[in-house]
Protein backbone atom coordinates (compact mmCIF):
# COMPACT_ATOMS: atom_id res chain seq x y z
CA MET A 1 26.72 -46.98 -27.08
CA SER A 2 28.08 -44.60 -24.58
CA GLU A 3 25.79 -41.98 -23.16
CA LYS A 4 27.18 -38.80 -21.89
CA PRO A 5 26.07 -38.28 -18.29
CA GLU A 6 23.89 -35.26 -17.76
CA THR A 7 25.75 -32.64 -15.83
CA LYS A 8 23.97 -30.13 -13.71
CA ILE A 9 25.59 -26.92 -12.75
CA VAL A 10 24.91 -26.34 -9.11
CA GLY A 11 24.49 -22.73 -8.29
CA PHE A 12 22.29 -19.76 -8.81
CA ASP A 13 20.40 -19.62 -12.07
CA ARG A 14 17.66 -17.30 -13.25
CA GLY A 15 14.91 -19.91 -13.09
CA ASP A 16 15.70 -20.61 -9.44
CA ALA A 17 15.80 -16.90 -8.64
CA ARG A 18 12.45 -16.30 -10.30
CA SER A 19 10.86 -19.28 -8.54
CA ARG A 20 12.24 -18.16 -5.21
CA MET A 21 10.97 -14.62 -5.84
CA GLY A 22 7.54 -15.98 -6.75
CA ARG A 23 7.33 -17.87 -3.45
CA ASP A 24 8.44 -14.78 -1.53
CA ILE A 25 5.87 -12.60 -3.31
CA VAL A 26 3.10 -15.07 -2.43
CA ALA A 27 4.06 -14.66 1.23
CA LEU A 28 3.81 -10.85 0.82
CA LEU A 29 0.39 -10.89 -0.90
CA PRO A 30 -1.70 -9.91 2.16
CA ARG A 31 0.49 -6.86 2.77
CA LEU A 32 0.60 -5.94 -0.92
CA ARG A 33 -3.18 -6.21 -1.22
CA ARG A 34 -3.71 -4.10 1.90
CA PHE A 35 -1.39 -1.37 0.64
CA ALA A 36 -2.92 -1.35 -2.85
CA ALA A 37 -6.49 -1.30 -1.53
CA GLY A 38 -5.64 1.63 0.72
CA LEU A 39 -3.91 3.43 -2.10
CA THR A 40 -6.67 2.91 -4.65
CA GLY A 41 -9.64 3.12 -2.28
CA SER A 42 -11.07 -0.16 -3.57
CA ILE A 43 -10.31 -3.81 -2.88
CA GLN A 44 -11.08 -4.79 -6.47
CA GLU A 45 -8.96 -2.05 -8.00
CA GLY A 46 -6.22 -2.76 -5.47
CA ASP A 47 -6.22 -6.43 -6.46
CA ASP A 48 -5.87 -5.44 -10.12
CA VAL A 49 -2.85 -3.29 -9.28
CA VAL A 50 -1.30 -6.09 -7.18
CA GLN A 51 -1.79 -8.58 -9.99
CA SER A 52 -0.09 -6.22 -12.45
CA ALA A 53 2.71 -5.57 -9.94
CA CYS A 54 3.35 -9.29 -9.40
CA LEU A 55 3.46 -9.88 -13.13
CA ARG A 56 5.85 -6.96 -13.62
CA ALA A 57 8.09 -8.13 -10.76
CA LEU A 58 8.35 -11.66 -12.15
CA GLU A 59 9.00 -10.38 -15.67
CA ARG A 60 11.74 -8.14 -14.33
CA HIS A 61 13.05 -10.37 -11.56
CA HIS A 62 16.59 -9.74 -12.75
CA GLN A 63 16.25 -6.06 -11.74
CA TRP A 64 15.76 -6.90 -8.06
CA GLU A 65 18.97 -7.06 -6.09
CA PRO A 66 19.11 -10.07 -3.74
CA GLY A 67 19.82 -8.95 -0.20
CA THR A 68 17.55 -5.91 -0.48
CA ARG A 69 13.99 -5.75 0.80
CA LEU A 70 11.58 -7.43 -1.59
CA ASP A 71 8.58 -5.84 0.16
CA SER A 72 9.92 -2.32 -0.44
CA TRP A 73 10.58 -3.15 -4.09
CA MET A 74 7.03 -4.50 -4.49
CA PHE A 75 5.48 -1.46 -2.74
CA ARG A 76 7.41 0.77 -5.14
CA ILE A 77 6.13 -1.20 -8.15
CA ILE A 78 2.54 -0.95 -6.86
CA ARG A 79 2.88 2.77 -6.28
CA ASN A 80 4.39 3.35 -9.72
CA LEU A 81 1.66 1.32 -11.43
CA TRP A 82 -0.97 3.29 -9.58
CA LEU A 83 0.61 6.59 -10.55
CA ASP A 84 0.93 5.39 -14.15
CA ARG A 85 -2.80 4.86 -14.27
CA GLY A 86 -3.20 8.59 -13.72
CA LYS A 87 -5.69 8.30 -10.92
CA SER A 88 -6.40 11.27 -8.70
CA ALA A 89 -7.09 11.04 -4.97
CA TRP A 90 -9.89 13.56 -5.31
CA ASN A 91 -12.12 11.55 -7.62
CA ARG A 92 -11.88 8.13 -5.98
CA LEU A 93 -14.72 6.69 -3.95
CA VAL A 94 -14.22 4.84 -0.70
CA ARG A 95 -16.08 1.55 -0.62
CA SER A 96 -16.69 -0.36 2.59
CA ASP A 97 -16.00 -4.06 2.83
CA PRO A 98 -19.03 -5.89 4.31
CA ASP A 99 -17.02 -9.14 4.61
CA ALA A 100 -14.63 -7.43 7.02
CA LEU A 101 -17.57 -6.39 9.18
CA ALA A 102 -18.74 -10.00 9.45
CA GLU A 103 -15.53 -10.78 11.36
CA ILE A 104 -16.45 -8.43 14.23
CA PRO A 105 -16.90 -10.55 17.38
CA ASP A 106 -19.72 -8.42 18.92
CA HIS A 107 -22.72 -9.24 16.75
CA SER A 108 -25.12 -6.75 18.26
CA LEU A 109 -26.77 -4.63 15.61
CA SER A 110 -26.01 -1.32 17.31
CA ARG A 111 -22.32 -2.19 17.71
CA GLU A 112 -22.11 -3.36 14.10
CA LEU A 113 -23.63 -0.10 12.87
CA GLU A 114 -21.28 1.90 15.07
CA VAL A 115 -18.25 -0.01 13.78
CA ARG A 116 -19.46 0.37 10.20
CA ASP A 117 -19.73 4.14 10.68
CA GLU A 118 -16.28 4.33 12.30
CA LEU A 119 -14.75 2.28 9.49
CA ALA A 120 -16.42 4.38 6.82
CA SER A 121 -15.31 7.56 8.57
CA ALA A 122 -11.70 6.37 8.82
CA ARG A 123 -11.64 5.23 5.19
CA ALA A 124 -13.15 8.51 4.02
CA ALA A 125 -10.61 10.46 6.07
CA ILE A 126 -7.72 8.49 4.56
CA ALA A 127 -9.15 8.74 1.04
CA ALA A 128 -9.53 12.52 1.43
CA LEU A 129 -5.83 12.97 2.18
CA PRO A 130 -3.61 14.32 -0.57
CA GLU A 131 -1.98 11.36 -2.28
CA PRO A 132 1.56 12.00 -0.94
CA GLN A 133 0.25 11.97 2.64
CA ARG A 134 -1.92 8.89 2.06
CA GLU A 135 1.02 6.93 0.63
CA VAL A 136 3.21 7.67 3.65
CA LEU A 137 0.40 6.94 6.11
CA LEU A 138 -0.34 3.56 4.53
CA LEU A 139 3.30 2.50 4.32
CA VAL A 140 4.21 3.47 7.88
CA THR A 141 1.06 2.86 9.93
CA VAL A 142 -0.61 0.07 7.99
CA GLU A 143 2.37 -1.80 6.51
CA GLY A 144 4.70 -1.11 9.41
CA LEU A 145 7.61 0.15 7.34
CA THR A 146 10.20 2.25 9.09
CA TYR A 147 10.44 5.90 8.12
CA GLU A 148 13.68 5.10 6.31
CA ALA A 149 12.10 2.24 4.34
CA ALA A 150 9.11 4.41 3.39
CA ALA A 151 11.48 7.15 2.24
CA ASP A 152 13.29 4.58 0.09
CA VAL A 153 10.04 3.24 -1.42
CA LEU A 154 8.79 6.73 -2.24
CA GLY A 155 12.17 8.15 -3.24
CA ILE A 156 11.86 11.13 -0.89
CA PRO A 157 13.94 12.47 2.02
CA LEU A 158 13.36 11.11 5.53
CA GLY A 159 12.24 14.52 6.80
CA THR A 160 9.57 14.68 4.12
CA VAL A 161 8.21 11.29 5.26
CA MET A 162 8.03 12.50 8.85
CA SER A 163 6.35 15.76 7.85
CA ARG A 164 3.77 14.12 5.58
CA LEU A 165 3.00 11.47 8.18
CA ALA A 166 2.46 14.04 10.92
CA ARG A 167 0.13 16.11 8.73
CA ALA A 168 -1.76 12.98 7.62
CA ARG A 169 -2.30 11.82 11.21
CA VAL A 170 -3.58 15.25 12.27
CA ALA A 171 -5.93 15.49 9.28
CA VAL A 172 -7.34 11.96 9.77
CA GLY A 173 -7.79 12.54 13.50
CA ARG A 174 -9.63 15.80 12.92
CA ARG A 175 -11.89 14.33 10.28
CA VAL A 176 -12.76 11.25 12.33
CA ARG A 177 -13.55 13.44 15.36
CA GLY A 178 -15.75 15.58 13.12
CA ASP A 179 -13.82 18.83 13.36
CA SER A 180 -15.06 21.59 11.10
CA THR A 181 -14.59 21.13 7.39
CA GLU A 182 -13.09 24.60 7.20
CA ALA A 183 -10.27 23.60 9.58
CA LEU A 184 -9.77 20.39 7.60
CA ALA A 185 -9.59 22.30 4.32
CA ARG A 186 -6.99 24.64 5.79
CA GLU A 187 -4.95 21.68 7.09
CA THR A 188 -4.96 19.63 3.89
CA GLY A 189 -4.73 22.71 1.69
CA ALA A 190 -1.72 23.96 3.60
CA ALA A 191 -0.25 20.47 3.50
CA THR A 192 -0.57 20.19 -0.26
CA THR A 193 1.23 23.46 -0.80
CA ARG A 194 4.07 22.50 1.57
CA ARG A 195 5.01 19.19 -0.02
């Protein structure tokens, strides 16, 4: 009885690529969750979007081109899923995360309340931005993407990224400082018409 020896083809196969992608996505999860939570305004909703994005990426792993940035591809999937859900920036609520506040080293009550107010103010300011500005702000300042990478993720020109980011920073700064709501409305209103 002669048995034919099992031959293995050494090389790149789809199962290996998908497994490798899965491991790489796991390493990106904190960044993906942070981006999605900022985009959606909710940790829970952000986690739902990330879960859907991971599933979609693994199902379509063959569409990703090795050698390109997996994080940019994943951010684009998250953004597209969020847009597909038809959510509007104007009707989302900002929810604070009490677990994040527990990590603050200064446990004095007055400092905790001050930090809670600052955090809520910053989140509200970001949530009040028009969606195109919020996306750019999150990708560049929170996720640390270059302007070029953010432009690639969003499919917009580099100059548009720079313009939206500048307007977003001004609007958030004004809102956090408590500038008049009329000035804020003019800034964000003008920004939405100049996309």
